[in-house]
PDB file of all heavy atoms in Angstrom:
ATOM      1  N   VAL A   1       7.030  -0.964  -0.465  1.00  0.00           N
ATOM      2  CA  VAL A   1       6.370  -1.618   0.661  1.00  0.00           C
ATOM      3  C   VAL A   1       7.274  -2.744   1.145  1.00  0.00           C
ATOM      4  O   VAL A   1       7.706  -3.592   0.349  1.00  0.00           O
ATOM      5  CB  VAL A   1       4.990  -2.158   0.248  1.00  0.00           C
ATOM      6  CG1 VAL A   1       4.278  -2.752   1.460  1.00  0.00           C
ATOM      7  CG2 VAL A   1       4.140  -1.044  -0.356  1.00  0.00           C
ATOM      8  N   ILE A   2       7.578  -2.756   2.440  1.00  0.00           N
ATOM      9  CA  ILE A   2       8.610  -3.632   2.998  1.00  0.00           C
ATOM     10  C   ILE A   2       8.034  -4.460   4.139  1.00  0.00           C
ATOM     11  O   ILE A   2       7.238  -3.962   4.948  1.00  0.00           O
ATOM     12  CB  ILE A   2       9.799  -2.791   3.514  1.00  0.00           C
ATOM     13  CG1 ILE A   2      10.386  -1.939   2.379  1.00  0.00           C
ATOM     14  CG2 ILE A   2      10.873  -3.671   4.141  1.00  0.00           C
ATOM     15  CD1 ILE A   2      11.247  -0.790   2.858  1.00  0.00           C
ATOM     16  N   HIS A   3       8.441  -5.725   4.204  1.00  0.00           N
ATOM     17  CA  HIS A   3       8.061  -6.594   5.324  1.00  0.00           C
ATOM     18  C   HIS A   3       9.306  -7.309   5.833  1.00  0.00           C
ATOM     19  O   HIS A   3      10.158  -7.728   5.040  1.00  0.00           O
ATOM     20  CB  HIS A   3       7.016  -7.618   4.889  1.00  0.00           C
ATOM     21  CG  HIS A   3       6.630  -8.580   5.970  1.00  0.00           C
ATOM     22  ND1 HIS A   3       5.972  -8.191   7.118  1.00  0.00           N
ATOM     23  CD2 HIS A   3       6.818  -9.919   6.097  1.00  0.00           C
ATOM     24  CE1 HIS A   3       5.760  -9.236   7.888  1.00  0.00           C
ATOM     25  NE2 HIS A   3       6.270 -10.303   7.302  1.00  0.00           N
ATOM     26  N   VAL A   4       9.405  -7.425   7.158  1.00  0.00           N
ATOM     27  CA  VAL A   4      10.569  -8.027   7.800  1.00  0.00           C
ATOM     28  C   VAL A   4      10.104  -9.149   8.719  1.00  0.00           C
ATOM     29  O   VAL A   4       9.180  -8.944   9.531  1.00  0.00           O
ATOM     30  CB  VAL A   4      11.354  -6.977   8.617  1.00  0.00           C
ATOM     31  CG1 VAL A   4      12.563  -7.609   9.287  1.00  0.00           C
ATOM     32  CG2 VAL A   4      11.776  -5.809   7.736  1.00  0.00           C
ATOM     33  N   GLU A   5      10.722 -10.329   8.594  1.00  0.00           N
ATOM     34  CA  GLU A   5      10.423 -11.417   9.520  1.00  0.00           C
ATOM     35  C   GLU A   5      11.677 -12.256   9.736  1.00  0.00           C
ATOM     36  O   GLU A   5      12.624 -12.199   8.945  1.00  0.00           O
ATOM     37  CB  GLU A   5       9.269 -12.284   9.022  1.00  0.00           C
ATOM     38  CG  GLU A   5       9.503 -12.944   7.678  1.00  0.00           C
ATOM     39  CD  GLU A   5       8.257 -13.673   7.169  1.00  0.00           C
ATOM     40  OE1 GLU A   5       7.310 -12.996   6.717  1.00  0.00           O
ATOM     41  OE2 GLU A   5       8.262 -14.919   7.246  1.00  0.00           O
ATOM     42  N   LYS A   6      11.675 -13.040  10.814  1.00  0.00           N
ATOM     43  CA  LYS A   6      12.861 -13.789  11.207  1.00  0.00           C
ATOM     44  C   LYS A   6      12.576 -15.286  11.176  1.00  0.00           C
ATOM     45  O   LYS A   6      11.516 -15.744  11.622  1.00  0.00           O
ATOM     46  CB  LYS A   6      13.272 -13.358  12.625  1.00  0.00           C
ATOM     47  CG  LYS A   6      14.652 -13.833  13.071  1.00  0.00           C
ATOM     48  CD  LYS A   6      15.745 -12.959  12.509  1.00  0.00           C
ATOM     49  CE  LYS A   6      17.118 -13.489  12.915  1.00  0.00           C
ATOM     50  NZ  LYS A   6      17.390 -13.325  14.348  1.00  0.00           N
ATOM     51  N   HIS A   7      13.524 -16.061  10.659  1.00  0.00           N
ATOM     52  CA  HIS A   7      13.446 -17.517  10.645  1.00  0.00           C
ATOM     53  C   HIS A   7      14.790 -18.049  11.122  1.00  0.00           C
ATOM     54  O   HIS A   7      15.794 -17.953  10.408  1.00  0.00           O
ATOM     55  CB  HIS A   7      13.116 -18.026   9.235  1.00  0.00           C
ATOM     56  CG  HIS A   7      11.778 -17.588   8.742  1.00  0.00           C
ATOM     57  ND1 HIS A   7      10.621 -18.324   8.935  1.00  0.00           N
ATOM     58  CD2 HIS A   7      11.392 -16.454   8.083  1.00  0.00           C
ATOM     59  CE1 HIS A   7       9.593 -17.684   8.412  1.00  0.00           C
ATOM     60  NE2 HIS A   7      10.031 -16.546   7.886  1.00  0.00           N
ATOM     61  N   ASP A   8      14.800 -18.583  12.341  1.00  0.00           N
ATOM     62  CA  ASP A   8      16.053 -18.995  12.977  1.00  0.00           C
ATOM     63  C   ASP A   8      17.014 -17.800  12.977  1.00  0.00           C
ATOM     64  O   ASP A   8      16.678 -16.751  13.475  1.00  0.00           O
ATOM     65  CB  ASP A   8      16.635 -20.229  12.283  1.00  0.00           C
ATOM     66  CG  ASP A   8      15.717 -21.447  12.405  1.00  0.00           C
ATOM     67  OD1 ASP A   8      15.072 -21.577  13.465  1.00  0.00           O
ATOM     68  OD2 ASP A   8      15.646 -22.250  11.462  1.00  0.00           O
ATOM     69  N   ASN A   9      18.190 -17.954  12.357  1.00  0.00           N
ATOM     70  CA  ASN A   9      19.134 -16.827  12.349  1.00  0.00           C
ATOM     71  C   ASN A   9      19.029 -15.997  11.072  1.00  0.00           C
ATOM     72  O   ASN A   9      19.842 -15.106  10.839  1.00  0.00           O
ATOM     73  CB  ASN A   9      20.576 -17.326  12.512  1.00  0.00           C
ATOM     74  CG  ASN A   9      21.055 -18.083  11.290  1.00  0.00           C
ATOM     75  OD1 ASN A   9      20.291 -18.830  10.685  1.00  0.00           O
ATOM     76  ND2 ASN A   9      22.323 -17.905  10.919  1.00  0.00           N
ATOM     77  N   LYS A  10      18.042 -16.311  10.240  1.00  0.00           N
ATOM     78  CA  LYS A  10      17.889 -15.615   8.964  1.00  0.00           C
ATOM     79  C   LYS A  10      16.830 -14.521   9.055  1.00  0.00           C
ATOM     80  O   LYS A  10      15.702 -14.761   9.515  1.00  0.00           O
ATOM     81  CB  LYS A  10      17.483 -16.595   7.856  1.00  0.00           C
ATOM     82  CG  LYS A  10      18.495 -17.686   7.556  1.00  0.00           C
ATOM     83  CD  LYS A  10      19.713 -17.132   6.856  1.00  0.00           C
ATOM     84  CE  LYS A  10      20.651 -18.265   6.435  1.00  0.00           C
ATOM     85  NZ  LYS A  10      21.915 -17.744   5.862  1.00  0.00           N
ATOM     86  N   LEU A  11      17.204 -13.339   8.588  1.00  0.00           N
ATOM     87  CA  LEU A  11      16.236 -12.261   8.429  1.00  0.00           C
ATOM     88  C   LEU A  11      15.734 -12.299   6.988  1.00  0.00           C
ATOM     89  O   LEU A  11      16.531 -12.336   6.045  1.00  0.00           O
ATOM     90  CB  LEU A  11      16.891 -10.912   8.718  1.00  0.00           C
ATOM     91  CG  LEU A  11      15.932  -9.725   8.890  1.00  0.00           C
ATOM     92  CD1 LEU A  11      15.113  -9.891  10.161  1.00  0.00           C
ATOM     93  CD2 LEU A  11      16.723  -8.415   8.929  1.00  0.00           C
ATOM     94  N   LEU A  12      14.426 -12.330   6.831  1.00  0.00           N
ATOM     95  CA  LEU A  12      13.799 -12.306   5.512  1.00  0.00           C
ATOM     96  C   LEU A  12      13.168 -10.934   5.309  1.00  0.00           C
ATOM     97  O   LEU A  12      12.295 -10.521   6.080  1.00  0.00           O
ATOM     98  CB  LEU A  12      12.735 -13.392   5.408  1.00  0.00           C
ATOM     99  CG  LEU A  12      11.832 -13.368   4.166  1.00  0.00           C
ATOM    100  CD1 LEU A  12      12.645 -13.586   2.888  1.00  0.00           C
ATOM    101  CD2 LEU A  12      10.721 -14.405   4.273  1.00  0.00           C
ATOM    102  N   VAL A  13      13.630 -10.237   4.289  1.00  0.00           N
ATOM    103  CA  VAL A  13      13.099  -8.913   3.958  1.00  0.00           C
ATOM    104  C   VAL A  13      12.494  -8.980   2.560  1.00  0.00           C
ATOM    105  O   VAL A  13      13.183  -9.335   1.598  1.00  0.00           O
ATOM    106  CB  VAL A  13      14.200  -7.831   3.994  1.00  0.00           C
ATOM    107  CG1 VAL A  13      13.584  -6.449   3.746  1.00  0.00           C
ATOM    108  CG2 VAL A  13      14.944  -7.849   5.314  1.00  0.00           C
ATOM    109  N   THR A  14      11.218  -8.664   2.453  1.00  0.00           N
ATOM    110  CA  THR A  14      10.579  -8.580   1.138  1.00  0.00           C
ATOM    111  C   THR A  14      10.244  -7.130   0.852  1.00  0.00           C
ATOM    112  O   THR A  14       9.857  -6.369   1.751  1.00  0.00           O
ATOM    113  CB  THR A  14       9.310  -9.442   1.065  1.00  0.00           C
ATOM    114  OG1 THR A  14       8.487  -9.186   2.212  1.00  0.00           O
ATOM    115  CG2 THR A  14       9.670 -10.923   1.024  1.00  0.00           C
ATOM    116  N   CYS A  15      10.408  -6.730  -0.402  1.00  0.00           N
ATOM    117  CA  CYS A  15      10.167  -5.337  -0.807  1.00  0.00           C
ATOM    118  C   CYS A  15       9.487  -5.321  -2.170  1.00  0.00           C
ATOM    119  O   CYS A  15       9.939  -5.996  -3.104  1.00  0.00           O
ATOM    120  CB  CYS A  15      11.488  -4.577  -0.874  1.00  0.00           C
ATOM    121  SG  CYS A  15      11.331  -2.845  -1.395  1.00  0.00           S
ATOM    122  N   ALA A  16       8.398  -4.593  -2.267  1.00  0.00           N
ATOM    123  CA  ALA A  16       7.677  -4.439  -3.527  1.00  0.00           C
ATOM    124  C   ALA A  16       7.654  -2.971  -3.924  1.00  0.00           C
ATOM    125  O   ALA A  16       7.448  -2.092  -3.079  1.00  0.00           O
ATOM    126  CB  ALA A  16       6.245  -4.971  -3.400  1.00  0.00           C
ATOM    127  N   GLU A  17       7.860  -2.721  -5.206  1.00  0.00           N
ATOM    128  CA  GLU A  17       7.786  -1.353  -5.730  1.00  0.00           C
ATOM    129  C   GLU A  17       7.340  -1.401  -7.182  1.00  0.00           C
ATOM    130  O   GLU A  17       7.365  -2.462  -7.819  1.00  0.00           O
ATOM    131  CB  GLU A  17       9.149  -0.658  -5.641  1.00  0.00           C
ATOM    132  CG  GLU A  17      10.169  -1.241  -6.609  1.00  0.00           C
ATOM    133  CD  GLU A  17      11.464  -0.456  -6.715  1.00  0.00           C
ATOM    134  OE1 GLU A  17      11.829   0.217  -5.748  1.00  0.00           O
ATOM    135  OE2 GLU A  17      12.117  -0.553  -7.776  1.00  0.00           O
ATOM    136  N   ASP A  18       6.940  -0.270  -7.695  1.00  0.00           N
ATOM    137  CA  ASP A  18       6.662  -0.121  -9.119  1.00  0.00           C
ATOM    138  C   ASP A  18       7.960   0.328  -9.794  1.00  0.00           C
ATOM    139  O   ASP A  18       8.502   1.383  -9.470  1.00  0.00           O
ATOM    140  CB  ASP A  18       5.559   0.926  -9.337  1.00  0.00           C
ATOM    141  CG  ASP A  18       5.069   0.986 -10.778  1.00  0.00           C
ATOM    142  OD1 ASP A  18       5.924   1.046 -11.689  1.00  0.00           O
ATOM    143  OD2 ASP A  18       3.846   0.988 -10.993  1.00  0.00           O
ATOM    144  N   ASN A  19       8.460  -0.467 -10.730  1.00  0.00           N
ATOM    145  CA  ASN A  19       9.754  -0.159 -11.351  1.00  0.00           C
ATOM    146  C   ASN A  19       9.732   1.145 -12.138  1.00  0.00           C
ATOM    147  O   ASN A  19      10.779   1.784 -12.310  1.00  0.00           O
ATOM    148  CB  ASN A  19      10.215  -1.305 -12.263  1.00  0.00           C
ATOM    149  CG  ASN A  19       9.241  -1.608 -13.371  1.00  0.00           C
ATOM    150  OD1 ASN A  19       8.136  -2.098 -13.106  1.00  0.00           O
ATOM    151  ND2 ASN A  19       9.627  -1.350 -14.605  1.00  0.00           N
ATOM    152  N   LEU A  20       8.574   1.583 -12.620  1.00  0.00           N
ATOM    153  CA  LEU A  20       8.494   2.822 -13.377  1.00  0.00           C
ATOM    154  C   LEU A  20       8.233   4.042 -12.491  1.00  0.00           C
ATOM    155  O   LEU A  20       8.391   5.173 -12.950  1.00  0.00           O
ATOM    156  CB  LEU A  20       7.390   2.729 -14.442  1.00  0.00           C
ATOM    157  CG  LEU A  20       7.647   1.751 -15.594  1.00  0.00           C
ATOM    158  CD1 LEU A  20       6.448   1.719 -16.537  1.00  0.00           C
ATOM    159  CD2 LEU A  20       8.911   2.116 -16.366  1.00  0.00           C
ATOM    160  N   LEU A  21       7.834   3.814 -11.256  1.00  0.00           N
ATOM    161  CA  LEU A  21       7.546   4.931 -10.358  1.00  0.00           C
ATOM    162  C   LEU A  21       8.625   5.044  -9.289  1.00  0.00           C
ATOM    163  O   LEU A  21       9.594   5.765  -9.471  1.00  0.00           O
ATOM    164  CB  LEU A  21       6.137   4.783  -9.779  1.00  0.00           C
ATOM    165  CG  LEU A  21       5.038   5.085 -10.820  1.00  0.00           C
ATOM    166  CD1 LEU A  21       3.667   4.658 -10.329  1.00  0.00           C
ATOM    167  CD2 LEU A  21       5.020   6.567 -11.182  1.00  0.00           C
ATOM    168  N   LYS A  22       8.512   4.347  -8.172  1.00  0.00           N
ATOM    169  CA  LYS A  22       9.578   4.440  -7.170  1.00  0.00           C
ATOM    170  C   LYS A  22      10.912   3.984  -7.753  1.00  0.00           C
ATOM    171  O   LYS A  22      11.973   4.451  -7.343  1.00  0.00           O
ATOM    172  CB  LYS A  22       9.216   3.591  -5.943  1.00  0.00           C
ATOM    173  CG  LYS A  22      10.224   3.703  -4.792  1.00  0.00           C
ATOM    174  CD  LYS A  22      10.442   5.138  -4.321  1.00  0.00           C
ATOM    175  CE  LYS A  22      11.371   5.180  -3.103  1.00  0.00           C
ATOM    176  NZ  LYS A  22      11.843   6.547  -2.813  1.00  0.00           N
ATOM    177  N   GLY A  23      10.874   3.108  -8.750  1.00  0.00           N
ATOM    178  CA  GLY A  23      12.107   2.654  -9.390  1.00  0.00           C
ATOM    179  C   GLY A  23      12.600   3.543 -10.509  1.00  0.00           C
ATOM    180  O   GLY A  23      13.643   3.256 -11.102  1.00  0.00           O
ATOM    181  N   ALA A  24      11.896   4.624 -10.814  1.00  0.00           N
ATOM    182  CA  ALA A  24      12.326   5.500 -11.923  1.00  0.00           C
ATOM    183  C   ALA A  24      11.656   6.870 -11.807  1.00  0.00           C
ATOM    184  O   ALA A  24      12.104   7.735 -11.058  1.00  0.00           O
ATOM    185  CB  ALA A  24      12.018   4.835 -13.274  1.00  0.00           C
ATOM    186  N   SER A  25      10.557   7.078 -12.536  1.00  0.00           N
ATOM    187  CA  SER A  25      10.003   8.424 -12.721  1.00  0.00           C
ATOM    188  C   SER A  25       9.376   9.011 -11.459  1.00  0.00           C
ATOM    189  O   SER A  25       9.471  10.218 -11.217  1.00  0.00           O
ATOM    190  CB  SER A  25       8.970   8.399 -13.850  1.00  0.00           C
ATOM    191  OG  SER A  25       9.558   7.918 -15.041  1.00  0.00           O
ATOM    192  N   GLY A  26       8.719   8.180 -10.663  1.00  0.00           N
ATOM    193  CA  GLY A  26       8.148   8.692  -9.417  1.00  0.00           C
ATOM    194  C   GLY A  26       9.233   9.177  -8.476  1.00  0.00           C
ATOM    195  O   GLY A  26       9.104  10.237  -7.847  1.00  0.00           O
TER     196      GLY A  26
END
């Protein structure tokens, strides 16, 4: 799950995942 937002010239990207699923077995 990803979210993108802008602060001045900085792009802030946050990403959440399950390390055992999308990060491994899933």
